[in-house]
Amino acid sequence: MGTCPLFKVPEDRGVEFYEKIEPKLREAQEIVRKWAKKASESYHVELEVVIGDWGDPFINYKFKPEDFNPEEIRRAFKALKYAYDGASKELEKKRIKKEIEGE
């Protein structure tokens, strides 16, 4: 289970646009990793950040159905929400999301 991407990287822009946003994209990915790590430590679950084809980060939690533990799943949902909300707010505050999405 995981989150939707924290921002949408436009797919129909020129090469110059992608070269311009690459540093911001890397910064955004590091922010998402930071919040996923913080949530993992706080909720005692292992979250991972997966980078999509266009550089858009997702936060995931992997579990095996045979090892189903309702309490762990509950903590994982809370951790995902905490990481997503924290990263999203920081990206908005630093205006990174707006720059990447080209608004």
PDB file of N, CA and C in Angstrom:
ATOM      1  N   MET A   1       0.847  -1.162   0.000  1.00  0.00           N
ATOM      2  CA  MET A   1       0.000   0.000   0.000  1.00  0.00           C
ATOM      3  C   MET A   1       0.892   1.224   0.000  1.00  0.00           C
ATOM      4  N   GLY A   2       0.367   2.323  -0.544  1.00  0.00           N
ATOM      5  CA  GLY A   2       1.183   3.515  -0.635  1.00  0.00           C
ATOM      6  C   GLY A   2       0.360   4.738  -0.928  1.00  0.00           C
ATOM      7  N   THR A   3       1.057   5.834  -1.095  1.00  0.00           N
ATOM      8  CA  THR A   3       0.406   7.110  -1.365  1.00  0.00           C
ATOM      9  C   THR A   3       0.363   7.364  -2.865  1.00  0.00           C
ATOM     10  N   CYS A   4      -0.431   8.335  -3.239  1.00  0.00           N
ATOM     11  CA  CYS A   4      -0.361   8.832  -4.606  1.00  0.00           C
ATOM     12  C   CYS A   4       0.882   9.722  -4.680  1.00  0.00           C
ATOM     13  N   PRO A   5       1.324  10.121  -5.866  1.00  0.00           N
ATOM     14  CA  PRO A   5       2.507  10.994  -5.917  1.00  0.00           C
ATOM     15  C   PRO A   5       2.231  12.317  -5.206  1.00  0.00           C
ATOM     16  N   LEU A   6       3.263  12.892  -4.628  1.00  0.00           N
ATOM     17  CA  LEU A   6       3.100  14.152  -3.912  1.00  0.00           C
ATOM     18  C   LEU A   6       2.958  15.341  -4.848  1.00  0.00           C
ATOM     19  N   PHE A   7       3.353  15.182  -6.079  1.00  0.00           N
ATOM     20  CA  PHE A   7       3.164  16.207  -7.089  1.00  0.00           C
ATOM     21  C   PHE A   7       3.201  15.537  -8.447  1.00  0.00           C
ATOM     22  N   LYS A   8       2.706  16.228  -9.438  1.00  0.00           N
ATOM     23  CA  LYS A   8       2.647  15.697 -10.796  1.00  0.00           C
ATOM     24  C   LYS A   8       3.692  16.406 -11.631  1.00  0.00           C
ATOM     25  N   VAL A   9       4.618  15.648 -12.205  1.00  0.00           N
ATOM     26  CA  VAL A   9       5.619  16.214 -13.086  1.00  0.00           C
ATOM     27  C   VAL A   9       4.998  16.277 -14.485  1.00  0.00           C
ATOM     28  N   PRO A  10       4.923  17.475 -15.079  1.00  0.00           N
ATOM     29  CA  PRO A  10       4.332  17.575 -16.414  1.00  0.00           C
ATOM     30  C   PRO A  10       5.100  16.717 -17.423  1.00  0.00           C
ATOM     31  N   GLU A  11       4.394  16.044 -18.302  1.00  0.00           N
ATOM     32  CA  GLU A  11       5.034  15.149 -19.260  1.00  0.00           C
ATOM     33  C   GLU A  11       5.142  15.749 -20.649  1.00  0.00           C
ATOM     34  N   ASP A  12       4.599  16.917 -20.853  1.00  0.00           N
ATOM     35  CA  ASP A  12       4.531  17.476 -22.206  1.00  0.00           C
ATOM     36  C   ASP A  12       5.335  18.761 -22.365  1.00  0.00           C
ATOM     37  N   ARG A  13       6.399  18.900 -21.593  1.00  0.00           N
ATOM     38  CA  ARG A  13       7.217  20.109 -21.664  1.00  0.00           C
ATOM     39  C   ARG A  13       8.507  19.820 -22.422  1.00  0.00           C
ATOM     40  N   GLY A  14       9.210  20.866 -22.798  1.00  0.00           N
ATOM     41  CA  GLY A  14      10.475  20.714 -23.512  1.00  0.00           C
ATOM     42  C   GLY A  14      11.617  20.312 -22.606  1.00  0.00           C
ATOM     43  N   VAL A  15      12.721  19.953 -23.221  1.00  0.00           N
ATOM     44  CA  VAL A  15      13.917  19.510 -22.496  1.00  0.00           C
ATOM     45  C   VAL A  15      14.410  20.598 -21.545  1.00  0.00           C
ATOM     46  N   GLU A  16      14.323  21.860 -21.956  1.00  0.00           N
ATOM     47  CA  GLU A  16      14.793  22.960 -21.128  1.00  0.00           C
ATOM     48  C   GLU A  16      14.038  23.007 -19.790  1.00  0.00           C
ATOM     49  N   PHE A  17      12.741  22.735 -19.850  1.00  0.00           N
ATOM     50  CA  PHE A  17      11.928  22.746 -18.634  1.00  0.00           C
ATOM     51  C   PHE A  17      12.427  21.693 -17.651  1.00  0.00           C
ATOM     52  N   TYR A  18      12.687  20.475 -18.147  1.00  0.00           N
ATOM     53  CA  TYR A  18      13.140  19.387 -17.270  1.00  0.00           C
ATOM     54  C   TYR A  18      14.530  19.647 -16.715  1.00  0.00           C
ATOM     55  N   GLU A  19      15.396  20.237 -17.530  1.00  0.00           N
ATOM     56  CA  GLU A  19      16.730  20.592 -17.033  1.00  0.00           C
ATOM     57  C   GLU A  19      16.625  21.656 -15.948  1.00  0.00           C
ATOM     58  N   LYS A  20      15.688  22.561 -16.123  1.00  0.00           N
ATOM     59  CA  LYS A  20      15.494  23.641 -15.158  1.00  0.00           C
ATOM     60  C   LYS A  20      14.949  23.121 -13.821  1.00  0.00           C
ATOM     61  N   ILE A  21      14.018  22.162 -13.871  1.00  0.00           N
ATOM     62  CA  ILE A  21      13.400  21.697 -12.621  1.00  0.00           C
ATOM     63  C   ILE A  21      14.149  20.554 -11.952  1.00  0.00           C
ATOM     64  N   GLU A  22      15.148  19.989 -12.625  1.00  0.00           N
ATOM     65  CA  GLU A  22      15.844  18.835 -12.044  1.00  0.00           C
ATOM     66  C   GLU A  22      16.391  19.088 -10.640  1.00  0.00           C
ATOM     67  N   PRO A  23      17.058  20.219 -10.370  1.00  0.00           N
ATOM     68  CA  PRO A  23      17.530  20.448  -8.992  1.00  0.00           C
ATOM     69  C   PRO A  23      16.368  20.509  -7.981  1.00  0.00           C
ATOM     70  N   LYS A  24      15.272  21.129  -8.369  1.00  0.00           N
ATOM     71  CA  LYS A  24      14.100  21.202  -7.484  1.00  0.00           C
ATOM     72  C   LYS A  24      13.498  19.825  -7.284  1.00  0.00           C
ATOM     73  N   LEU A  25      13.499  19.035  -8.327  1.00  0.00           N
ATOM     74  CA  LEU A  25      12.970  17.677  -8.248  1.00  0.00           C
ATOM     75  C   LEU A  25      13.792  16.840  -7.268  1.00  0.00           C
ATOM     76  N   ARG A  26      15.110  16.955  -7.341  1.00  0.00           N
ATOM     77  CA  ARG A  26      15.993  16.226  -6.411  1.00  0.00           C
ATOM     78  C   ARG A  26      15.763  16.703  -4.974  1.00  0.00           C
ATOM     79  N   GLU A  27      15.611  18.014  -4.801  1.00  0.00           N
ATOM     80  CA  GLU A  27      15.347  18.562  -3.470  1.00  0.00           C
ATOM     81  C   GLU A  27      14.020  18.031  -2.931  1.00  0.00           C
ATOM     82  N   ALA A  28      13.011  17.984  -3.791  1.00  0.00           N
ATOM     83  CA  ALA A  28      11.699  17.466  -3.387  1.00  0.00           C
ATOM     84  C   ALA A  28      11.794  16.000  -2.982  1.00  0.00           C
ATOM     85  N   GLN A  29      12.551  15.216  -3.731  1.00  0.00           N
ATOM     86  CA  GLN A  29      12.707  13.802  -3.399  1.00  0.00           C
ATOM     87  C   GLN A  29      13.379  13.628  -2.044  1.00  0.00           C
ATOM     88  N   GLU A  30      14.364  14.466  -1.744  1.00  0.00           N
ATOM     89  CA  GLU A  30      15.029  14.393  -0.441  1.00  0.00           C
ATOM     90  C   GLU A  30      14.085  14.777   0.695  1.00  0.00           C
ATOM     91  N   ILE A  31      13.231  15.752   0.462  1.00  0.00           N
ATOM     92  CA  ILE A  31      12.245  16.139   1.470  1.00  0.00           C
ATOM     93  C   ILE A  31      11.305  14.971   1.752  1.00  0.00           C
ATOM     94  N   VAL A  32      10.854  14.304   0.711  1.00  0.00           N
ATOM     95  CA  VAL A  32       9.957  13.157   0.886  1.00  0.00           C
ATOM     96  C   VAL A  32      10.672  12.031   1.630  1.00  0.00           C
ATOM     97  N   ARG A  33      11.925  11.770   1.279  1.00  0.00           N
ATOM     98  CA  ARG A  33      12.699  10.736   1.988  1.00  0.00           C
ATOM     99  C   ARG A  33      12.844  11.076   3.468  1.00  0.00           C
ATOM    100  N   LYS A  34      13.101  12.350   3.757  1.00  0.00           N
ATOM    101  CA  LYS A  34      13.259  12.796   5.150  1.00  0.00           C
ATOM    102  C   LYS A  34      11.991  12.516   5.948  1.00  0.00           C
ATOM    103  N   TRP A  35      10.826  12.870   5.377  1.00  0.00           N
ATOM    104  CA  TRP A  35       9.562  12.662   6.089  1.00  0.00           C
ATOM    105  C   TRP A  35       9.218  11.180   6.211  1.00  0.00           C
ATOM    106  N   ALA A  36       9.555  10.387   5.205  1.00  0.00           N
ATOM    107  CA  ALA A  36       9.301   8.939   5.289  1.00  0.00           C
ATOM    108  C   ALA A  36      10.161   8.323   6.392  1.00  0.00           C
ATOM    109  N   LYS A  37      11.403   8.760   6.487  1.00  0.00           N
ATOM    110  CA  LYS A  37      12.284   8.244   7.542  1.00  0.00           C
ATOM    111  C   LYS A  37      11.769   8.642   8.918  1.00  0.00           C
ATOM    112  N   LYS A  38      11.366   9.896   9.041  1.00  0.00           N
ATOM    113  CA  LYS A  38      10.843  10.402  10.313  1.00  0.00           C
ATOM    114  C   LYS A  38       9.592   9.616  10.729  1.00  0.00           C
ATOM    115  N   ALA A  39       8.694   9.368   9.784  1.00  0.00           N
ATOM    116  CA  ALA A  39       7.467   8.611  10.069  1.00  0.00           C
ATOM    117  C   ALA A  39       7.784   7.164  10.417  1.00  0.00           C
ATOM    118  N   SER A  40       8.734   6.572   9.697  1.00  0.00           N
ATOM    119  CA  SER A  40       9.130   5.189   9.981  1.00  0.00           C
ATOM    120  C   SER A  40       9.623   5.047  11.413  1.00  0.00           C
ATOM    121  N   GLU A  41      10.437   5.987  11.823  1.00  0.00           N
ATOM    122  CA  GLU A  41      10.987   5.941  13.182  1.00  0.00           C
ATOM    123  C   GLU A  41       9.908   6.211  14.232  1.00  0.00           C
ATOM    124  N   SER A  42       9.018   7.138  13.957  1.00  0.00           N
ATOM    125  CA  SER A  42       7.979   7.496  14.919  1.00  0.00           C
ATOM    126  C   SER A  42       6.946   6.392  15.118  1.00  0.00           C
ATOM    127  N   TYR A  43       6.586   5.723  14.033  1.00  0.00           N
ATOM    128  CA  TYR A  43       5.516   4.718  14.090  1.00  0.00           C
ATOM    129  C   TYR A  43       6.031   3.277  14.075  1.00  0.00           C
ATOM    130  N   HIS A  44       7.339   3.104  14.036  1.00  0.00           N
ATOM    131  CA  HIS A  44       7.964   1.778  14.090  1.00  0.00           C
ATOM    132  C   HIS A  44       7.478   0.865  12.960  1.00  0.00           C
ATOM    133  N   VAL A  45       7.455   1.418  11.758  1.00  0.00           N
ATOM    134  CA  VAL A  45       7.166   0.652  10.549  1.00  0.00           C
ATOM    135  C   VAL A  45       8.198   1.054   9.502  1.00  0.00           C
ATOM    136  N   GLU A  46       8.347   0.231   8.485  1.00  0.00           N
ATOM    137  CA  GLU A  46       9.347   0.524   7.462  1.00  0.00           C
ATOM    138  C   GLU A  46       8.679   1.054   6.195  1.00  0.00           C
ATOM    139  N   LEU A  47       8.796   2.362   5.993  1.00  0.00           N
ATOM    140  CA  LEU A  47       8.281   2.985   4.783  1.00  0.00           C
ATOM    141  C   LEU A  47       9.423   3.118   3.790  1.00  0.00           C
ATOM    142  N   GLU A  48       9.086   3.117   2.519  1.00  0.00           N
ATOM    143  CA  GLU A  48      10.100   3.340   1.499  1.00  0.00           C
ATOM    144  C   GLU A  48       9.597   4.384   0.510  1.00  0.00           C
ATOM    145  N   VAL A  49      10.533   5.111  -0.064  1.00  0.00           N
ATOM    146  CA  VAL A  49      10.195   6.092  -1.081  1.00  0.00           C
ATOM    147  C   VAL A  49      10.568   5.502  -2.432  1.00  0.00           C
ATOM    148  N   VAL A  50       9.595   5.493  -3.323  1.00  0.00           N
ATOM    149  CA  VAL A  50       9.791   4.981  -4.673  1.00  0.00           C
ATOM    150  C   VAL A  50       9.672   6.169  -5.617  1.00  0.00           C
ATOM    151  N   ILE A  51      10.626   6.268  -6.535  1.00  0.00           N
ATOM    152  CA  ILE A  51      10.624   7.370  -7.494  1.00  0.00           C
ATOM    153  C   ILE A  51      10.032   6.861  -8.808  1.00  0.00           C
ATOM    154  N   GLY A  52       8.979   7.547  -9.276  1.00  0.00           N
ATOM    155  CA  GLY A  52       8.321   7.175 -10.518  1.00  0.00           C
ATOM    156  C   GLY A  52       9.167   7.504 -11.740  1.00  0.00           C
ATOM    157  N   ASP A  53       8.678   7.130 -12.906  1.00  0.00           N
ATOM    158  CA  ASP A  53       9.412   7.330 -14.157  1.00  0.00           C
ATOM    159  C   ASP A  53       9.750   8.792 -14.432  1.00  0.00           C
ATOM    160  N   TRP A  54       8.899   9.697 -14.010  1.00  0.00           N
ATOM    161  CA  TRP A  54       9.116  11.119 -14.261  1.00  0.00           C
ATOM    162  C   TRP A  54       9.735  11.826 -13.061  1.00  0.00           C
ATOM    163  N   GLY A  55      10.137  11.089 -12.050  1.00  0.00           N
ATOM    164  CA  GLY A  55      10.779  11.675 -10.882  1.00  0.00           C
ATOM    165  C   GLY A  55       9.841  11.984  -9.741  1.00  0.00           C
ATOM    166  N   ASP A  56       8.583  11.607  -9.893  1.00  0.00           N
ATOM    167  CA  ASP A  56       7.596  11.884  -8.846  1.00  0.00           C
ATOM    168  C   ASP A  56       7.681  10.824  -7.749  1.00  0.00           C
ATOM    169  N   PRO A  57       7.827  11.255  -6.482  1.00  0.00           N
ATOM    170  CA  PRO A  57       8.000  10.309  -5.387  1.00  0.00           C
ATOM    171  C   PRO A  57       6.672   9.790  -4.818  1.00  0.00           C
ATOM    172  N   PHE A  58       6.672   8.521  -4.462  1.00  0.00           N
ATOM    173  CA  PHE A  58       5.566   7.857  -3.778  1.00  0.00           C
ATOM    174  C   PHE A  58       6.116   7.332  -2.456  1.00  0.00           C
ATOM    175  N   ILE A  59       5.278   7.229  -1.441  1.00  0.00           N
ATOM    176  CA  ILE A  59       5.690   6.625  -0.176  1.00  0.00           C
ATOM    177  C   ILE A  59       4.935   5.310  -0.047  1.00  0.00           C
ATOM    178  N   ASN A  60       5.668   4.223   0.139  1.00  0.00           N
ATOM    179  CA  ASN A  60       5.063   2.891   0.190  1.00  0.00           C
ATOM    180  C   ASN A  60       5.345   2.181   1.500  1.00  0.00           C
ATOM    181  N   TYR A  61       4.448   1.249   1.802  1.00  0.00           N
ATOM    182  CA  TYR A  61       4.636   0.330   2.914  1.00  0.00           C
ATOM    183  C   TYR A  61       4.325  -1.067   2.372  1.00  0.00           C
ATOM    184  N   LYS A  62       5.267  -1.978   2.502  1.00  0.00           N
ATOM    185  CA  LYS A  62       5.071  -3.341   1.996  1.00  0.00           C
ATOM    186  C   LYS A  62       4.823  -4.291   3.155  1.00  0.00           C
ATOM    187  N   PHE A  63       3.859  -5.163   2.965  1.00  0.00           N
ATOM    188  CA  PHE A  63       3.602  -6.205   3.952  1.00  0.00           C
ATOM    189  C   PHE A  63       3.156  -7.457   3.219  1.00  0.00           C
ATOM    190  N   LYS A  64       3.325  -8.575   3.889  1.00  0.00           N
ATOM    191  CA  LYS A  64       2.910  -9.857   3.323  1.00  0.00           C
ATOM    192  C   LYS A  64       1.571 -10.237   3.939  1.00  0.00           C
ATOM    193  N   PRO A  65       0.615 -10.615   3.130  1.00  0.00           N
ATOM    194  CA  PRO A  65      -0.699 -10.996   3.672  1.00  0.00           C
ATOM    195  C   PRO A  65      -0.620 -12.100   4.727  1.00  0.00           C
ATOM    196  N   GLU A  66       0.339 -13.012   4.573  1.00  0.00           N
ATOM    197  CA  GLU A  66       0.447 -14.098   5.555  1.00  0.00           C
ATOM    198  C   GLU A  66       0.973 -13.603   6.907  1.00  0.00           C
ATOM    199  N   ASP A  67       1.593 -12.417   6.916  1.00  0.00           N
ATOM    200  CA  ASP A  67       2.079 -11.831   8.163  1.00  0.00           C
ATOM    201  C   ASP A  67       1.164 -10.703   8.644  1.00  0.00           C
ATOM    202  N   PHE A  68      -0.087 -10.752   8.254  1.00  0.00           N
ATOM    203  CA  PHE A  68      -1.042  -9.687   8.560  1.00  0.00           C
ATOM    204  C   PHE A  68      -1.144  -9.441  10.059  1.00  0.00           C
ATOM    205  N   ASN A  69      -0.929  -8.197  10.438  1.00  0.00           N
ATOM    206  CA  ASN A  69      -1.032  -7.773  11.828  1.00  0.00           C
ATOM    207  C   ASN A  69      -1.826  -6.466  11.831  1.00  0.00           C
ATOM    208  N   PRO A  70      -3.072  -6.484  12.303  1.00  0.00           N
ATOM    209  CA  PRO A  70      -3.910  -5.272  12.244  1.00  0.00           C
ATOM    210  C   PRO A  70      -3.285  -4.048  12.905  1.00  0.00           C
ATOM    211  N   GLU A  71      -2.602  -4.230  14.017  1.00  0.00           N
ATOM    212  CA  GLU A  71      -1.986  -3.094  14.694  1.00  0.00           C
ATOM    213  C   GLU A  71      -0.866  -2.491  13.849  1.00  0.00           C
ATOM    214  N   GLU A  72      -0.080  -3.335  13.214  1.00  0.00           N
ATOM    215  CA  GLU A  72       1.000  -2.837  12.361  1.00  0.00           C
ATOM    216  C   GLU A  72       0.435  -2.095  11.142  1.00  0.00           C
ATOM    217  N   ILE A  73      -0.630  -2.617  10.567  1.00  0.00           N
ATOM    218  CA  ILE A  73      -1.272  -1.963   9.422  1.00  0.00           C
ATOM    219  C   ILE A  73      -1.815  -0.599   9.848  1.00  0.00           C
ATOM    220  N   ARG A  74      -2.400  -0.526  11.013  1.00  0.00           N
ATOM    221  CA  ARG A  74      -2.914   0.745  11.541  1.00  0.00           C
ATOM    222  C   ARG A  74      -1.778   1.759  11.692  1.00  0.00           C
ATOM    223  N   ARG A  75      -0.660   1.308  12.255  1.00  0.00           N
ATOM    224  CA  ARG A  75       0.497   2.193  12.408  1.00  0.00           C
ATOM    225  C   ARG A  75       1.039   2.630  11.047  1.00  0.00           C
ATOM    226  N   ALA A  76       1.027   1.696  10.099  1.00  0.00           N
ATOM    227  CA  ALA A  76       1.529   2.009   8.752  1.00  0.00           C
ATOM    228  C   ALA A  76       0.663   3.081   8.083  1.00  0.00           C
ATOM    229  N   PHE A  77      -0.660   2.965   8.215  1.00  0.00           N
ATOM    230  CA  PHE A  77      -1.548   3.985   7.652  1.00  0.00           C
ATOM    231  C   PHE A  77      -1.273   5.346   8.291  1.00  0.00           C
ATOM    232  N   LYS A  78      -1.113   5.366   9.607  1.00  0.00           N
ATOM    233  CA  LYS A  78      -0.826   6.622  10.297  1.00  0.00           C
ATOM    234  C   LYS A  78       0.521   7.189   9.849  1.00  0.00           C
ATOM    235  N   ALA A  79       1.510   6.306   9.686  1.00  0.00           N
ATOM    236  CA  ALA A  79       2.837   6.739   9.241  1.00  0.00           C
ATOM    237  C   ALA A  79       2.783   7.292   7.821  1.00  0.00           C
ATOM    238  N   LEU A  80       2.049   6.624   6.940  1.00  0.00           N
ATOM    239  CA  LEU A  80       1.908   7.112   5.566  1.00  0.00           C
ATOM    240  C   LEU A  80       1.268   8.495   5.545  1.00  0.00           C
ATOM    241  N   LYS A  81       0.219   8.662   6.334  1.00  0.00           N
ATOM    242  CA  LYS A  81      -0.465   9.955   6.394  1.00  0.00           C
ATOM    243  C   LYS A  81       0.465  11.032   6.958  1.00  0.00           C
ATOM    244  N   TYR A  82       1.174  10.705   8.024  1.00  0.00           N
ATOM    245  CA  TYR A  82       2.100  11.648   8.646  1.00  0.00           C
ATOM    246  C   TYR A  82       3.186  12.072   7.646  1.00  0.00           C
ATOM    247  N   ALA A  83       3.785  11.099   6.964  1.00  0.00           N
ATOM    248  CA  ALA A  83       4.855  11.392   6.008  1.00  0.00           C
ATOM    249  C   ALA A  83       4.324  12.188   4.820  1.00  0.00           C
ATOM    250  N   TYR A  84       3.175  11.785   4.296  1.00  0.00           N
ATOM    251  CA  TYR A  84       2.592  12.472   3.140  1.00  0.00           C
ATOM    252  C   TYR A  84       2.239  13.914   3.491  1.00  0.00           C
ATOM    253  N   ASP A  85       1.550  14.100   4.608  1.00  0.00           N
ATOM    254  CA  ASP A  85       1.136  15.449   5.014  1.00  0.00           C
ATOM    255  C   ASP A  85       2.343  16.338   5.312  1.00  0.00           C
ATOM    256  N   GLY A  86       3.319  15.791   6.028  1.00  0.00           N
ATOM    257  CA  GLY A  86       4.505  16.576   6.369  1.00  0.00           C
ATOM    258  C   GLY A  86       5.291  16.985   5.136  1.00  0.00           C
ATOM    259  N   ALA A  87       5.519  16.038   4.228  1.00  0.00           N
ATOM    260  CA  ALA A  87       6.259  16.348   3.007  1.00  0.00           C
ATOM    261  C   ALA A  87       5.479  17.315   2.132  1.00  0.00           C
ATOM    262  N   SER A  88       4.184  17.097   2.021  1.00  0.00           N
ATOM    263  CA  SER A  88       3.345  17.954   1.198  1.00  0.00           C
ATOM    264  C   SER A  88       3.367  19.403   1.703  1.00  0.00           C
ATOM    265  N   LYS A  89       3.243  19.577   3.008  1.00  0.00           N
ATOM    266  CA  LYS A  89       3.268  20.929   3.588  1.00  0.00           C
ATOM    267  C   LYS A  89       4.622  21.606   3.380  1.00  0.00           C
ATOM    268  N   GLU A  90       5.709  20.837   3.545  1.00  0.00           N
ATOM    269  CA  GLU A  90       7.028  21.427   3.351  1.00  0.00           C
ATOM    270  C   GLU A  90       7.253  21.799   1.879  1.00  0.00           C
ATOM    271  N   LEU A  91       6.795  20.957   0.971  1.00  0.00           N
ATOM    272  CA  LEU A  91       6.919  21.265  -0.460  1.00  0.00           C
ATOM    273  C   LEU A  91       6.112  22.513  -0.822  1.00  0.00           C
ATOM    274  N   GLU A  92       4.939  22.644  -0.241  1.00  0.00           N
ATOM    275  CA  GLU A  92       4.106  23.832  -0.483  1.00  0.00           C
ATOM    276  C   GLU A  92       4.773  25.084   0.100  1.00  0.00           C
ATOM    277  N   LYS A  93       5.278  24.945   1.316  1.00  0.00           N
ATOM    278  CA  LYS A  93       5.900  26.086   2.004  1.00  0.00           C
ATOM    279  C   LYS A  93       7.109  26.603   1.222  1.00  0.00           C
ATOM    280  N   LYS A  94       7.907  25.691   0.688  1.00  0.00           N
ATOM    281  CA  LYS A  94       9.098  26.078  -0.070  1.00  0.00           C
ATOM    282  C   LYS A  94       8.782  26.371  -1.537  1.00  0.00           C
ATOM    283  N   ARG A  95       7.513  26.260  -1.911  1.00  0.00           N
ATOM    284  CA  ARG A  95       7.025  26.521  -3.261  1.00  0.00           C
ATOM    285  C   ARG A  95       7.643  25.595  -4.308  1.00  0.00           C
ATOM    286  N   ILE A  96       8.169  24.466  -3.881  1.00  0.00           N
ATOM    287  CA  ILE A  96       8.790  23.511  -4.800  1.00  0.00           C
ATOM    288  C   ILE A  96       7.733  22.834  -5.659  1.00  0.00           C
ATOM    289  N   LYS A  97       6.641  22.452  -5.029  1.00  0.00           N
ATOM    290  CA  LYS A  97       5.576  21.771  -5.764  1.00  0.00           C
ATOM    291  C   LYS A  97       5.070  22.637  -6.903  1.00  0.00           C
ATOM    292  N   LYS A  98       4.882  23.910  -6.649  1.00  0.00           N
ATOM    293  CA  LYS A  98       4.385  24.837  -7.657  1.00  0.00           C
ATOM    294  C   LYS A  98       5.376  24.970  -8.817  1.00  0.00           C
ATOM    295  N   GLU A  99       6.659  25.039  -8.500  1.00  0.00           N
ATOM    296  CA  GLU A  99       7.690  25.161  -9.539  1.00  0.00           C
ATOM    297  C   GLU A  99       7.744  23.914 -10.406  1.00  0.00           C
ATOM    298  N   ILE A 100       7.652  22.750  -9.790  1.00  0.00           N
ATOM    299  CA  ILE A 100       7.732  21.491 -10.547  1.00  0.00           C
ATOM    300  C   ILE A 100       6.504  21.298 -11.430  1.00  0.00           C
ATOM    301  N   GLU A 101       5.342  21.585 -10.885  1.00  0.00           N
ATOM    302  CA  GLU A 101       4.122  21.388 -11.649  1.00  0.00           C
ATOM    303  C   GLU A 101       3.934  22.469 -12.703  1.00  0.00           C
ATOM    304  N   GLY A 102       4.778  23.491 -12.665  1.00  0.00           N
ATOM    305  CA  GLY A 102       4.749  24.523 -13.687  1.00  0.00           C
ATOM    306  C   GLY A 102       3.599  25.498 -13.601  1.00  0.00           C
ATOM    307  N   GLU A 103       3.077  25.685 -12.401  1.00  0.00           N
ATOM    308  CA  GLU A 103       1.951  26.612 -12.234  1.00  0.00           C
ATOM    309  C   GLU A 103       2.432  28.022 -12.004  1.00  0.00           C
TER     310      GLU A 103
END
